[in-house]
């Protein structure tokens, strides 16, 4: 069972500002081979009323450690769960997967319209 993502009140809800969280160690499992997959990820978002609480985010991500799931599915699922948790104005998640078989994959997904656009 996945841990829930907790939030806290945005201390400046009337100001658009960008939050960046860098995840240097993310692990899941290849659903085909059962081998571990390793990724780094960057989460960018402009909050509305709430911000993501980092300890719960870390525990949520650790819940994928033994989960067999494709890169594309996990990137989209994490974004969906984060959006459901904090309802941001805009959010972008990029996952950068370790090279395997000479192929390096980067998956990027977004939600909402960036305030600068």
PDB file of N, CA and C in Angstrom:
ATOM      1  N   UNK A   1       0.837  -1.195   0.000  1.00  0.00           N
ATOM      2  CA  UNK A   1       0.000   0.000   0.000  1.00  0.00           C
ATOM      3  C   UNK A   1       0.873   1.247   0.000  1.00  0.00           C
ATOM      4  N   UNK A   2       0.540   2.196  -0.861  1.00  0.00           N
ATOM      5  CA  UNK A   2       1.308   3.431  -0.959  1.00  0.00           C
ATOM      6  C   UNK A   2       1.022   4.354   0.221  1.00  0.00           C
ATOM      7  N   UNK A   3       2.047   5.035   0.692  1.00  0.00           N
ATOM      8  CA  UNK A   3       1.866   6.066   1.704  1.00  0.00           C
ATOM      9  C   UNK A   3       1.183   7.270   1.055  1.00  0.00           C
ATOM     10  N   UNK A   4       0.410   7.991   1.845  1.00  0.00           N
ATOM     11  CA  UNK A   4      -0.274   9.167   1.306  1.00  0.00           C
ATOM     12  C   UNK A   4       0.669  10.371   1.295  1.00  0.00           C
ATOM     13  N   UNK A   5       0.393  11.276   0.391  1.00  0.00           N
ATOM     14  CA  UNK A   5       1.172  12.514   0.281  1.00  0.00           C
ATOM     15  C   UNK A   5       0.449  13.572   1.100  1.00  0.00           C
ATOM     16  N   UNK A   6       1.139  14.108   2.071  1.00  0.00           N
ATOM     17  CA  UNK A   6       0.554  15.136   2.937  1.00  0.00           C
ATOM     18  C   UNK A   6       0.943  16.519   2.418  1.00  0.00           C
ATOM     19  N   UNK A   7       0.172  17.513   2.841  1.00  0.00           N
ATOM     20  CA  UNK A   7       0.425  18.895   2.424  1.00  0.00           C
ATOM     21  C   UNK A   7       0.386  19.816   3.642  1.00  0.00           C
ATOM     22  N   UNK A   8       0.810  21.042   3.417  1.00  0.00           N
ATOM     23  CA  UNK A   8       0.684  22.085   4.436  1.00  0.00           C
ATOM     24  C   UNK A   8       0.234  23.364   3.741  1.00  0.00           C
ATOM     25  N   UNK A   9      -0.307  24.289   4.506  1.00  0.00           N
ATOM     26  CA  UNK A   9      -0.818  25.538   3.929  1.00  0.00           C
ATOM     27  C   UNK A   9       0.302  26.332   3.276  1.00  0.00           C
ATOM     28  N   UNK A  10       0.026  26.810   2.070  1.00  0.00           N
ATOM     29  CA  UNK A  10       0.969  27.657   1.349  1.00  0.00           C
ATOM     30  C   UNK A  10       1.122  28.965   2.131  1.00  0.00           C
ATOM     31  N   UNK A  11       2.355  29.308   2.541  1.00  0.00           N
ATOM     32  CA  UNK A  11       2.529  30.535   3.322  1.00  0.00           C
ATOM     33  C   UNK A  11       2.326  31.821   2.502  1.00  0.00           C
ATOM     34  N   UNK A  12       2.342  31.722   1.164  1.00  0.00           N
ATOM     35  CA  UNK A  12       2.145  32.887   0.298  1.00  0.00           C
ATOM     36  C   UNK A  12       1.193  32.546  -0.842  1.00  0.00           C
ATOM     37  N   UNK A  13      -0.074  32.264  -0.534  1.00  0.00           N
ATOM     38  CA  UNK A  13      -1.012  31.827  -1.570  1.00  0.00           C
ATOM     39  C   UNK A  13      -1.350  32.898  -2.608  1.00  0.00           C
ATOM     40  N   UNK A  14      -1.087  34.163  -2.308  1.00  0.00           N
ATOM     41  CA  UNK A  14      -1.388  35.241  -3.253  1.00  0.00           C
ATOM     42  C   UNK A  14      -0.232  35.531  -4.203  1.00  0.00           C
ATOM     43  N   UNK A  15       0.863  34.781  -4.082  1.00  0.00           N
ATOM     44  CA  UNK A  15       2.040  34.995  -4.930  1.00  0.00           C
ATOM     45  C   UNK A  15       2.321  33.725  -5.727  1.00  0.00           C
ATOM     46  N   UNK A  16       2.550  33.878  -7.024  1.00  0.00           N
ATOM     47  CA  UNK A  16       3.004  32.746  -7.825  1.00  0.00           C
ATOM     48  C   UNK A  16       4.507  32.595  -7.636  1.00  0.00           C
ATOM     49  N   UNK A  17       4.916  31.433  -7.213  1.00  0.00           N
ATOM     50  CA  UNK A  17       6.342  31.139  -7.087  1.00  0.00           C
ATOM     51  C   UNK A  17       6.568  29.672  -7.404  1.00  0.00           C
ATOM     52  N   UNK A  18       7.773  29.371  -7.833  1.00  0.00           N
ATOM     53  CA  UNK A  18       8.119  28.035  -8.297  1.00  0.00           C
ATOM     54  C   UNK A  18       8.835  27.257  -7.192  1.00  0.00           C
ATOM     55  N   UNK A  19       8.370  26.042  -6.959  1.00  0.00           N
ATOM     56  CA  UNK A  19       9.015  25.131  -6.014  1.00  0.00           C
ATOM     57  C   UNK A  19       9.651  24.013  -6.832  1.00  0.00           C
ATOM     58  N   UNK A  20      10.902  23.688  -6.511  1.00  0.00           N
ATOM     59  CA  UNK A  20      11.624  22.610  -7.195  1.00  0.00           C
ATOM     60  C   UNK A  20      12.104  21.616  -6.145  1.00  0.00           C
ATOM     61  N   UNK A  21      11.752  20.351  -6.353  1.00  0.00           N
ATOM     62  CA  UNK A  21      12.258  19.269  -5.500  1.00  0.00           C
ATOM     63  C   UNK A  21      13.048  18.320  -6.396  1.00  0.00           C
ATOM     64  N   UNK A  22      14.282  18.047  -6.012  1.00  0.00           N
ATOM     65  CA  UNK A  22      15.157  17.126  -6.745  1.00  0.00           C
ATOM     66  C   UNK A  22      15.226  15.812  -5.970  1.00  0.00           C
ATOM     67  N   UNK A  23      14.927  14.716  -6.637  1.00  0.00           N
ATOM     68  CA  UNK A  23      15.009  13.384  -6.040  1.00  0.00           C
ATOM     69  C   UNK A  23      16.190  12.678  -6.703  1.00  0.00           C
ATOM     70  N   UNK A  24      17.214  12.368  -5.922  1.00  0.00           N
ATOM     71  CA  UNK A  24      18.432  11.794  -6.483  1.00  0.00           C
ATOM     72  C   UNK A  24      18.430  10.273  -6.499  1.00  0.00           C
ATOM     73  N   UNK A  25      17.588   9.651  -5.680  1.00  0.00           N
ATOM     74  CA  UNK A  25      17.576   8.186  -5.595  1.00  0.00           C
ATOM     75  C   UNK A  25      16.147   7.683  -5.605  1.00  0.00           C
ATOM     76  N   UNK A  26      15.707   7.196  -6.746  1.00  0.00           N
ATOM     77  CA  UNK A  26      14.383   6.592  -6.860  1.00  0.00           C
ATOM     78  C   UNK A  26      14.558   5.203  -7.437  1.00  0.00           C
ATOM     79  N   UNK A  27      13.853   4.240  -6.863  1.00  0.00           N
ATOM     80  CA  UNK A  27      13.976   2.859  -7.312  1.00  0.00           C
ATOM     81  C   UNK A  27      12.597   2.236  -7.489  1.00  0.00           C
ATOM     82  N   UNK A  28      12.449   1.526  -8.591  1.00  0.00           N
ATOM     83  CA  UNK A  28      11.282   0.685  -8.826  1.00  0.00           C
ATOM     84  C   UNK A  28      11.801  -0.602  -9.473  1.00  0.00           C
ATOM     85  N   UNK A  29      10.895  -1.410 -10.004  1.00  0.00           N
ATOM     86  CA  UNK A  29      11.287  -2.693 -10.580  1.00  0.00           C
ATOM     87  C   UNK A  29      10.738  -2.795 -11.999  1.00  0.00           C
ATOM     88  N   UNK A  30      11.543  -3.309 -12.915  1.00  0.00           N
ATOM     89  CA  UNK A  30      11.082  -3.557 -14.281  1.00  0.00           C
ATOM     90  C   UNK A  30      10.033  -4.671 -14.239  1.00  0.00           C
ATOM     91  N   UNK A  31       8.832  -4.424 -14.784  1.00  0.00           N
ATOM     92  CA  UNK A  31       7.793  -5.449 -14.729  1.00  0.00           C
ATOM     93  C   UNK A  31       8.060  -6.638 -15.665  1.00  0.00           C
ATOM     94  N   UNK A  32       9.005  -6.492 -16.583  1.00  0.00           N
ATOM     95  CA  UNK A  32       9.325  -7.570 -17.518  1.00  0.00           C
ATOM     96  C   UNK A  32      10.438  -8.458 -16.960  1.00  0.00           C
ATOM     97  N   UNK A  33      11.537  -7.842 -16.527  1.00  0.00           N
ATOM     98  CA  UNK A  33      12.698  -8.617 -16.091  1.00  0.00           C
ATOM     99  C   UNK A  33      12.761  -8.836 -14.577  1.00  0.00           C
ATOM    100  N   UNK A  34      12.088  -7.974 -13.820  1.00  0.00           N
ATOM    101  CA  UNK A  34      12.191  -8.043 -12.364  1.00  0.00           C
ATOM    102  C   UNK A  34      13.439  -7.378 -11.826  1.00  0.00           C
ATOM    103  N   UNK A  35      14.251  -6.783 -12.702  1.00  0.00           N
ATOM    104  CA  UNK A  35      15.469  -6.090 -12.277  1.00  0.00           C
ATOM    105  C   UNK A  35      15.122  -4.705 -11.744  1.00  0.00           C
ATOM    106  N   UNK A  36      15.948  -4.179 -10.845  1.00  0.00           N
ATOM    107  CA  UNK A  36      15.679  -2.837 -10.325  1.00  0.00           C
ATOM    108  C   UNK A  36      15.920  -1.767 -11.395  1.00  0.00           C
ATOM    109  N   UNK A  37      15.081  -0.741 -11.373  1.00  0.00           N
ATOM    110  CA  UNK A  37      15.256   0.444 -12.210  1.00  0.00           C
ATOM    111  C   UNK A  37      15.590   1.611 -11.297  1.00  0.00           C
ATOM    112  N   UNK A  38      16.515   2.449 -11.748  1.00  0.00           N
ATOM    113  CA  UNK A  38      16.962   3.585 -10.944  1.00  0.00           C
ATOM    114  C   UNK A  38      16.716   4.876 -11.710  1.00  0.00           C
ATOM    115  N   UNK A  39      16.243   5.889 -10.987  1.00  0.00           N
ATOM    116  CA  UNK A  39      15.961   7.162 -11.636  1.00  0.00           C
ATOM    117  C   UNK A  39      16.278   8.323 -10.705  1.00  0.00           C
ATOM    118  N   UNK A  40      16.490   9.462 -11.331  1.00  0.00           N
ATOM    119  CA  UNK A  40      16.489  10.746 -10.646  1.00  0.00           C
ATOM    120  C   UNK A  40      15.267  11.473 -11.173  1.00  0.00           C
ATOM    121  N   UNK A  41      14.699  12.353 -10.353  1.00  0.00           N
ATOM    122  CA  UNK A  41      13.544  13.092 -10.842  1.00  0.00           C
ATOM    123  C   UNK A  41      13.573  14.527 -10.351  1.00  0.00           C
ATOM    124  N   UNK A  42      12.922  15.380 -11.137  1.00  0.00           N
ATOM    125  CA  UNK A  42      12.761  16.779 -10.774  1.00  0.00           C
ATOM    126  C   UNK A  42      11.276  17.090 -10.793  1.00  0.00           C
ATOM    127  N   UNK A  43      10.787  17.598  -9.677  1.00  0.00           N
ATOM    128  CA  UNK A  43       9.413  18.045  -9.559  1.00  0.00           C
ATOM    129  C   UNK A  43       9.418  19.566  -9.477  1.00  0.00           C
ATOM    130  N   UNK A  44       8.679  20.202 -10.365  1.00  0.00           N
ATOM    131  CA  UNK A  44       8.509  21.652 -10.360  1.00  0.00           C
ATOM    132  C   UNK A  44       7.022  21.937 -10.232  1.00  0.00           C
ATOM    133  N   UNK A  45       6.666  22.899  -9.380  1.00  0.00           N
ATOM    134  CA  UNK A  45       5.254  23.275  -9.314  1.00  0.00           C
ATOM    135  C   UNK A  45       5.057  24.670  -8.766  1.00  0.00           C
ATOM    136  N   UNK A  46       3.922  25.256  -9.161  1.00  0.00           N
ATOM    137  CA  UNK A  46       3.457  26.531  -8.637  1.00  0.00           C
ATOM    138  C   UNK A  46       2.244  26.197  -7.775  1.00  0.00           C
ATOM    139  N   UNK A  47       2.364  26.382  -6.455  1.00  0.00           N
ATOM    140  CA  UNK A  47       1.273  25.958  -5.569  1.00  0.00           C
ATOM    141  C   UNK A  47       0.085  26.922  -5.601  1.00  0.00           C
ATOM    142  N   UNK A  48      -1.064  26.376  -5.202  1.00  0.00           N
ATOM    143  CA  UNK A  48      -2.240  27.194  -4.905  1.00  0.00           C
ATOM    144  C   UNK A  48      -2.320  27.318  -3.385  1.00  0.00           C
ATOM    145  N   UNK A  49      -3.255  26.610  -2.779  1.00  0.00           N
ATOM    146  CA  UNK A  49      -3.497  26.737  -1.334  1.00  0.00           C
ATOM    147  C   UNK A  49      -2.548  25.900  -0.485  1.00  0.00           C
ATOM    148  N   UNK A  50      -1.985  24.817  -1.075  1.00  0.00           N
ATOM    149  CA  UNK A  50      -1.142  23.932  -0.265  1.00  0.00           C
ATOM    150  C   UNK A  50       0.161  23.578  -0.978  1.00  0.00           C
ATOM    151  N   UNK A  51       1.126  23.159  -0.170  1.00  0.00           N
ATOM    152  CA  UNK A  51       2.433  22.702  -0.650  1.00  0.00           C
ATOM    153  C   UNK A  51       2.639  21.256  -0.197  1.00  0.00           C
ATOM    154  N   UNK A  52       3.511  20.550  -0.884  1.00  0.00           N
ATOM    155  CA  UNK A  52       3.795  19.150  -0.570  1.00  0.00           C
ATOM    156  C   UNK A  52       4.744  19.060   0.625  1.00  0.00           C
ATOM    157  N   UNK A  53       4.374  18.226   1.582  1.00  0.00           N
ATOM    158  CA  UNK A  53       5.223  17.992   2.747  1.00  0.00           C
ATOM    159  C   UNK A  53       6.250  16.922   2.365  1.00  0.00           C
ATOM    160  N   UNK A  54       7.533  17.226   2.554  1.00  0.00           N
ATOM    161  CA  UNK A  54       8.597  16.402   1.985  1.00  0.00           C
ATOM    162  C   UNK A  54       8.774  15.025   2.624  1.00  0.00           C
ATOM    163  N   UNK A  55       8.588  14.886   3.919  1.00  0.00           N
ATOM    164  CA  UNK A  55       8.763  13.557   4.528  1.00  0.00           C
ATOM    165  C   UNK A  55       7.731  12.585   3.959  1.00  0.00           C
ATOM    166  N   UNK A  56       6.486  13.021   3.844  1.00  0.00           N
ATOM    167  CA  UNK A  56       5.459  12.135   3.298  1.00  0.00           C
ATOM    168  C   UNK A  56       5.733  11.833   1.828  1.00  0.00           C
ATOM    169  N   UNK A  57       6.264  12.815   1.092  1.00  0.00           N
ATOM    170  CA  UNK A  57       6.620  12.603  -0.318  1.00  0.00           C
ATOM    171  C   UNK A  57       7.717  11.546  -0.426  1.00  0.00           C
ATOM    172  N   UNK A  58       8.721  11.646   0.439  1.00  0.00           N
ATOM    173  CA  UNK A  58       9.815  10.666   0.446  1.00  0.00           C
ATOM    174  C   UNK A  58       9.279   9.262   0.729  1.00  0.00           C
ATOM    175  N   UNK A  59       8.420   9.130   1.730  1.00  0.00           N
ATOM    176  CA  UNK A  59       7.856   7.822   2.078  1.00  0.00           C
ATOM    177  C   UNK A  59       6.963   7.291   0.960  1.00  0.00           C
ATOM    178  N   UNK A  60       6.217   8.168   0.327  1.00  0.00           N
ATOM    179  CA  UNK A  60       5.398   7.781  -0.828  1.00  0.00           C
ATOM    180  C   UNK A  60       6.285   7.195  -1.928  1.00  0.00           C
ATOM    181  N   UNK A  61       7.367   7.894  -2.265  1.00  0.00           N
ATOM    182  CA  UNK A  61       8.270   7.426  -3.322  1.00  0.00           C
ATOM    183  C   UNK A  61       8.916   6.089  -2.949  1.00  0.00           C
ATOM    184  N   UNK A  62       9.269   5.910  -1.696  1.00  0.00           N
ATOM    185  CA  UNK A  62       9.879   4.656  -1.264  1.00  0.00           C
ATOM    186  C   UNK A  62       8.918   3.479  -1.417  1.00  0.00           C
ATOM    187  N   UNK A  63       7.630   3.748  -1.459  1.00  0.00           N
ATOM    188  CA  UNK A  63       6.642   2.704  -1.655  1.00  0.00           C
ATOM    189  C   UNK A  63       6.735   2.023  -3.008  1.00  0.00           C
ATOM    190  N   UNK A  64       7.433   2.658  -3.959  1.00  0.00           N
ATOM    191  CA  UNK A  64       7.612   2.078  -5.293  1.00  0.00           C
ATOM    192  C   UNK A  64       8.838   1.172  -5.385  1.00  0.00           C
ATOM    193  N   UNK A  65       9.597   1.065  -4.323  1.00  0.00           N
ATOM    194  CA  UNK A  65      10.870   0.336  -4.340  1.00  0.00           C
ATOM    195  C   UNK A  65      10.739  -1.082  -4.895  1.00  0.00           C
ATOM    196  N   UNK A  66       9.659  -1.771  -4.592  1.00  0.00           N
ATOM    197  CA  UNK A  66       9.465  -3.154  -5.042  1.00  0.00           C
ATOM    198  C   UNK A  66       8.315  -3.288  -6.036  1.00  0.00           C
ATOM    199  N   UNK A  67       7.866  -2.171  -6.582  1.00  0.00           N
ATOM    200  CA  UNK A  67       6.722  -2.148  -7.495  1.00  0.00           C
ATOM    201  C   UNK A  67       7.183  -2.384  -8.934  1.00  0.00           C
ATOM    202  N   UNK A  68       6.586  -3.365  -9.596  1.00  0.00           N
ATOM    203  CA  UNK A  68       6.868  -3.612 -11.007  1.00  0.00           C
ATOM    204  C   UNK A  68       6.017  -2.703 -11.868  1.00  0.00           C
ATOM    205  N   UNK A  69       6.638  -1.699 -12.514  1.00  0.00           N
ATOM    206  CA  UNK A  69       5.877  -0.702 -13.262  1.00  0.00           C
ATOM    207  C   UNK A  69       6.779  -0.063 -14.324  1.00  0.00           C
ATOM    208  N   UNK A  70       6.214   0.207 -15.493  1.00  0.00           N
ATOM    209  CA  UNK A  70       6.976   0.836 -16.584  1.00  0.00           C
ATOM    210  C   UNK A  70       7.244   2.314 -16.284  1.00  0.00           C
ATOM    211  N   UNK A  71       8.319   2.845 -16.868  1.00  0.00           N
ATOM    212  CA  UNK A  71       8.721   4.251 -16.658  1.00  0.00           C
ATOM    213  C   UNK A  71       7.571   5.215 -16.924  1.00  0.00           C
ATOM    214  N   UNK A  72       6.904   5.010 -18.049  1.00  0.00           N
ATOM    215  CA  UNK A  72       5.836   5.924 -18.462  1.00  0.00           C
ATOM    216  C   UNK A  72       4.670   5.904 -17.469  1.00  0.00           C
ATOM    217  N   UNK A  73       4.331   4.710 -17.005  1.00  0.00           N
ATOM    218  CA  UNK A  73       3.215   4.567 -16.074  1.00  0.00           C
ATOM    219  C   UNK A  73       3.534   5.184 -14.721  1.00  0.00           C
ATOM    220  N   UNK A  74       4.724   4.946 -14.225  1.00  0.00           N
ATOM    221  CA  UNK A  74       5.067   5.448 -12.896  1.00  0.00           C
ATOM    222  C   UNK A  74       5.179   6.976 -12.900  1.00  0.00           C
ATOM    223  N   UNK A  75       5.723   7.548 -13.964  1.00  0.00           N
ATOM    224  CA  UNK A  75       5.865   9.006 -14.041  1.00  0.00           C
ATOM    225  C   UNK A  75       4.484   9.655 -14.044  1.00  0.00           C
ATOM    226  N   UNK A  76       3.577   9.137 -14.856  1.00  0.00           N
ATOM    227  CA  UNK A  76       2.220   9.682 -14.909  1.00  0.00           C
ATOM    228  C   UNK A  76       1.454   9.447 -13.612  1.00  0.00           C
ATOM    229  N   UNK A  77       1.629   8.283 -12.987  1.00  0.00           N
ATOM    230  CA  UNK A  77       0.935   7.993 -11.725  1.00  0.00           C
ATOM    231  C   UNK A  77       1.390   8.919 -10.614  1.00  0.00           C
ATOM    232  N   UNK A  78       2.692   9.148 -10.506  1.00  0.00           N
ATOM    233  CA  UNK A  78       3.201  10.051  -9.473  1.00  0.00           C
ATOM    234  C   UNK A  78       2.640  11.450  -9.684  1.00  0.00           C
ATOM    235  N   UNK A  79       2.656  11.938 -10.934  1.00  0.00           N
ATOM    236  CA  UNK A  79       2.099  13.270 -11.202  1.00  0.00           C
ATOM    237  C   UNK A  79       0.622  13.308 -10.803  1.00  0.00           C
ATOM    238  N   UNK A  80      -0.159  12.308 -11.199  1.00  0.00           N
ATOM    239  CA  UNK A  80      -1.583  12.279 -10.853  1.00  0.00           C
ATOM    240  C   UNK A  80      -1.791  12.322  -9.341  1.00  0.00           C
ATOM    241  N   UNK A  81      -0.996  11.553  -8.599  1.00  0.00           N
ATOM    242  CA  UNK A  81      -1.138  11.519  -7.141  1.00  0.00           C
ATOM    243  C   UNK A  81      -0.753  12.852  -6.502  1.00  0.00           C
ATOM    244  N   UNK A  82       0.296  13.489  -7.030  1.00  0.00           N
ATOM    245  CA  UNK A  82       0.711  14.796  -6.502  1.00  0.00           C
ATOM    246  C   UNK A  82      -0.338  15.868  -6.784  1.00  0.00           C
ATOM    247  N   UNK A  83      -0.883  15.855  -7.992  1.00  0.00           N
ATOM    248  CA  UNK A  83      -1.923  16.823  -8.348  1.00  0.00           C
ATOM    249  C   UNK A  83      -3.150  16.617  -7.457  1.00  0.00           C
ATOM    250  N   UNK A  84      -3.539  15.372  -7.233  1.00  0.00           N
ATOM    251  CA  UNK A  84      -4.684  15.075  -6.371  1.00  0.00           C
ATOM    252  C   UNK A  84      -4.434  15.547  -4.938  1.00  0.00           C
ATOM    253  N   UNK A  85      -3.188  15.463  -4.481  1.00  0.00           N
ATOM    254  CA  UNK A  85      -2.862  15.834  -3.108  1.00  0.00           C
ATOM    255  C   UNK A  85      -2.859  17.339  -2.887  1.00  0.00           C
ATOM    256  N   UNK A  86      -2.333  18.122  -3.855  1.00  0.00           N
ATOM    257  CA  UNK A  86      -2.143  19.551  -3.567  1.00  0.00           C
ATOM    258  C   UNK A  86      -2.797  20.514  -4.557  1.00  0.00           C
ATOM    259  N   UNK A  87      -3.400  20.021  -5.636  1.00  0.00           N
ATOM    260  CA  UNK A  87      -4.112  20.868  -6.600  1.00  0.00           C
ATOM    261  C   UNK A  87      -3.301  22.114  -6.980  1.00  0.00           C
ATOM    262  N   UNK A  88      -2.132  21.931  -7.593  1.00  0.00           N
ATOM    263  CA  UNK A  88      -1.293  23.084  -7.928  1.00  0.00           C
ATOM    264  C   UNK A  88      -1.830  23.860  -9.128  1.00  0.00           C
ATOM    265  N   UNK A  89      -1.341  25.092  -9.287  1.00  0.00           N
ATOM    266  CA  UNK A  89      -1.659  25.866 -10.490  1.00  0.00           C
ATOM    267  C   UNK A  89      -1.014  25.216 -11.701  1.00  0.00           C
ATOM    268  N   UNK A  90       0.209  24.741 -11.512  1.00  0.00           N
ATOM    269  CA  UNK A  90       0.976  24.096 -12.572  1.00  0.00           C
ATOM    270  C   UNK A  90       1.946  23.135 -11.919  1.00  0.00           C
ATOM    271  N   UNK A  91       2.186  22.002 -12.591  1.00  0.00           N
ATOM    272  CA  UNK A  91       3.141  21.027 -12.069  1.00  0.00           C
ATOM    273  C   UNK A  91       3.788  20.294 -13.232  1.00  0.00           C
ATOM    274  N   UNK A  92       5.083  19.999 -13.091  1.00  0.00           N
ATOM    275  CA  UNK A  92       5.846  19.261 -14.085  1.00  0.00           C
ATOM    276  C   UNK A  92       6.713  18.248 -13.354  1.00  0.00           C
ATOM    277  N   UNK A  93       6.723  17.014 -13.850  1.00  0.00           N
ATOM    278  CA  UNK A  93       7.572  15.969 -13.283  1.00  0.00           C
ATOM    279  C   UNK A  93       8.400  15.371 -14.397  1.00  0.00           C
ATOM    280  N   UNK A  94       9.716  15.347 -14.194  1.00  0.00           N
ATOM    281  CA  UNK A  94      10.638  14.728 -15.144  1.00  0.00           C
ATOM    282  C   UNK A  94      11.362  13.606 -14.424  1.00  0.00           C
ATOM    283  N   UNK A  95      11.333  12.400 -15.023  1.00  0.00           N
ATOM    284  CA  UNK A  95      12.102  11.283 -14.488  1.00  0.00           C
ATOM    285  C   UNK A  95      13.214  10.954 -15.482  1.00  0.00           C
ATOM    286  N   UNK A  96      14.422  10.759 -14.968  1.00  0.00           N
ATOM    287  CA  UNK A  96      15.602  10.439 -15.778  1.00  0.00           C
ATOM    288  C   UNK A  96      16.114   9.078 -15.317  1.00  0.00           C
ATOM    289  N   UNK A  97      15.967   8.081 -16.182  1.00  0.00           N
ATOM    290  CA  UNK A  97      16.243   6.689 -15.830  1.00  0.00           C
ATOM    291  C   UNK A  97      17.663   6.291 -16.215  1.00  0.00           C
ATOM    292  N   UNK A  98      18.293   5.500 -15.373  1.00  0.00           N
ATOM    293  CA  UNK A  98      19.655   5.031 -15.631  1.00  0.00           C
ATOM    294  C   UNK A  98      19.710   4.240 -16.936  1.00  0.00           C
ATOM    295  N   UNK A  99      20.836   4.341 -17.601  1.00  0.00           N
ATOM    296  CA  UNK A  99      21.032   3.664 -18.880  1.00  0.00           C
ATOM    297  C   UNK A  99      20.974   2.155 -18.688  1.00  0.00           C
ATOM    298  N   UNK A 100      20.217   1.524 -19.583  1.00  0.00           N
ATOM    299  CA  UNK A 100      20.121   0.065 -19.582  1.00  0.00           C
ATOM    300  C   UNK A 100      20.109  -0.376 -21.032  1.00  0.00           C
ATOM    301  N   UNK A 101      21.025  -1.264 -21.400  1.00  0.00           N
ATOM    302  CA  UNK A 101      21.094  -1.754 -22.773  1.00  0.00           C
ATOM    303  C   UNK A 101      21.425  -0.655 -23.765  1.00  0.00           C
ATOM    304  N   UNK A 102      22.145   0.363 -23.291  1.00  0.00           N
ATOM    305  CA  UNK A 102      22.547   1.467 -24.166  1.00  0.00           C
ATOM    306  C   UNK A 102      21.461   2.514 -24.390  1.00  0.00           C
ATOM    307  N   UNK A 103      20.334   2.403 -23.675  1.00  0.00           N
ATOM    308  CA  UNK A 103      19.236   3.352 -23.839  1.00  0.00           C
ATOM    309  C   UNK A 103      19.002   4.094 -22.524  1.00  0.00           C
ATOM    310  N   UNK A 104      18.956   5.417 -22.635  1.00  0.00           N
ATOM    311  CA  UNK A 104      18.693   6.292 -21.492  1.00  0.00           C
ATOM    312  C   UNK A 104      17.340   6.950 -21.734  1.00  0.00           C
ATOM    313  N   UNK A 105      16.401   6.783 -20.813  1.00  0.00           N
ATOM    314  CA  UNK A 105      15.044   7.307 -20.998  1.00  0.00           C
ATOM    315  C   UNK A 105      14.779   8.486 -20.078  1.00  0.00           C
ATOM    316  N   UNK A 106      14.099   9.494 -20.615  1.00  0.00           N
ATOM    317  CA  UNK A 106      13.628  10.640 -19.853  1.00  0.00           C
ATOM    318  C   UNK A 106      12.146  10.785 -20.158  1.00  0.00           C
ATOM    319  N   UNK A 107      11.328  10.801 -19.104  1.00  0.00           N
ATOM    320  CA  UNK A 107       9.888  10.941 -19.248  1.00  0.00           C
ATOM    321  C   UNK A 107       9.501  12.248 -18.556  1.00  0.00           C
ATOM    322  N   UNK A 108       8.720  13.082 -19.252  1.00  0.00           N
ATOM    323  CA  UNK A 108       8.304  14.372 -18.690  1.00  0.00           C
ATOM    324  C   UNK A 108       6.803  14.541 -18.872  1.00  0.00           C
ATOM    325  N   UNK A 109       6.123  14.870 -17.782  1.00  0.00           N
ATOM    326  CA  UNK A 109       4.676  15.072 -17.814  1.00  0.00           C
ATOM    327  C   UNK A 109       4.335  16.366 -17.076  1.00  0.00           C
ATOM    328  N   UNK A 110       3.241  17.005 -17.502  1.00  0.00           N
ATOM    329  CA  UNK A 110       2.824  18.272 -16.905  1.00  0.00           C
ATOM    330  C   UNK A 110       1.337  18.285 -16.638  1.00  0.00           C
ATOM    331  N   UNK A 111       0.961  19.182 -15.741  1.00  0.00           N
ATOM    332  CA  UNK A 111      -0.445  19.426 -15.410  1.00  0.00           C
ATOM    333  C   UNK A 111      -0.671  20.932 -15.344  1.00  0.00           C
ATOM    334  N   UNK A 112      -1.755  21.386 -15.951  1.00  0.00           N
ATOM    335  CA  UNK A 112      -2.114  22.798 -15.861  1.00  0.00           C
ATOM    336  C   UNK A 112      -1.311  23.661 -16.806  1.00  0.00           C
ATOM    337  N   UNK A 113      -1.553  24.947 -16.704  1.00  0.00           N
ATOM    338  CA  UNK A 113      -0.870  25.923 -17.552  1.00  0.00           C
ATOM    339  C   UNK A 113       0.139  26.686 -16.717  1.00  0.00           C
ATOM    340  N   UNK A 114       1.366  26.730 -17.187  1.00  0.00           N
ATOM    341  CA  UNK A 114       2.425  27.447 -16.467  1.00  0.00           C
ATOM    342  C   UNK A 114       2.045  28.927 -16.401  1.00  0.00           C
ATOM    343  N   UNK A 115       2.162  29.561 -15.235  1.00  0.00           N
ATOM    344  CA  UNK A 115       1.751  30.954 -15.080  1.00  0.00           C
ATOM    345  C   UNK A 115       2.459  31.936 -16.011  1.00  0.00           C
ATOM    346  N   UNK A 116       3.652  31.608 -16.489  1.00  0.00           N
ATOM    347  CA  UNK A 116       4.387  32.520 -17.378  1.00  0.00           C
ATOM    348  C   UNK A 116       3.955  32.398 -18.828  1.00  0.00           C
ATOM    349  N   UNK A 117       3.110  31.427 -19.160  1.00  0.00           N
ATOM    350  CA  UNK A 117       2.733  31.207 -20.560  1.00  0.00           C
ATOM    351  C   UNK A 117       1.464  31.937 -20.910  1.00  0.00           C
TER     352      UNK A 117
END
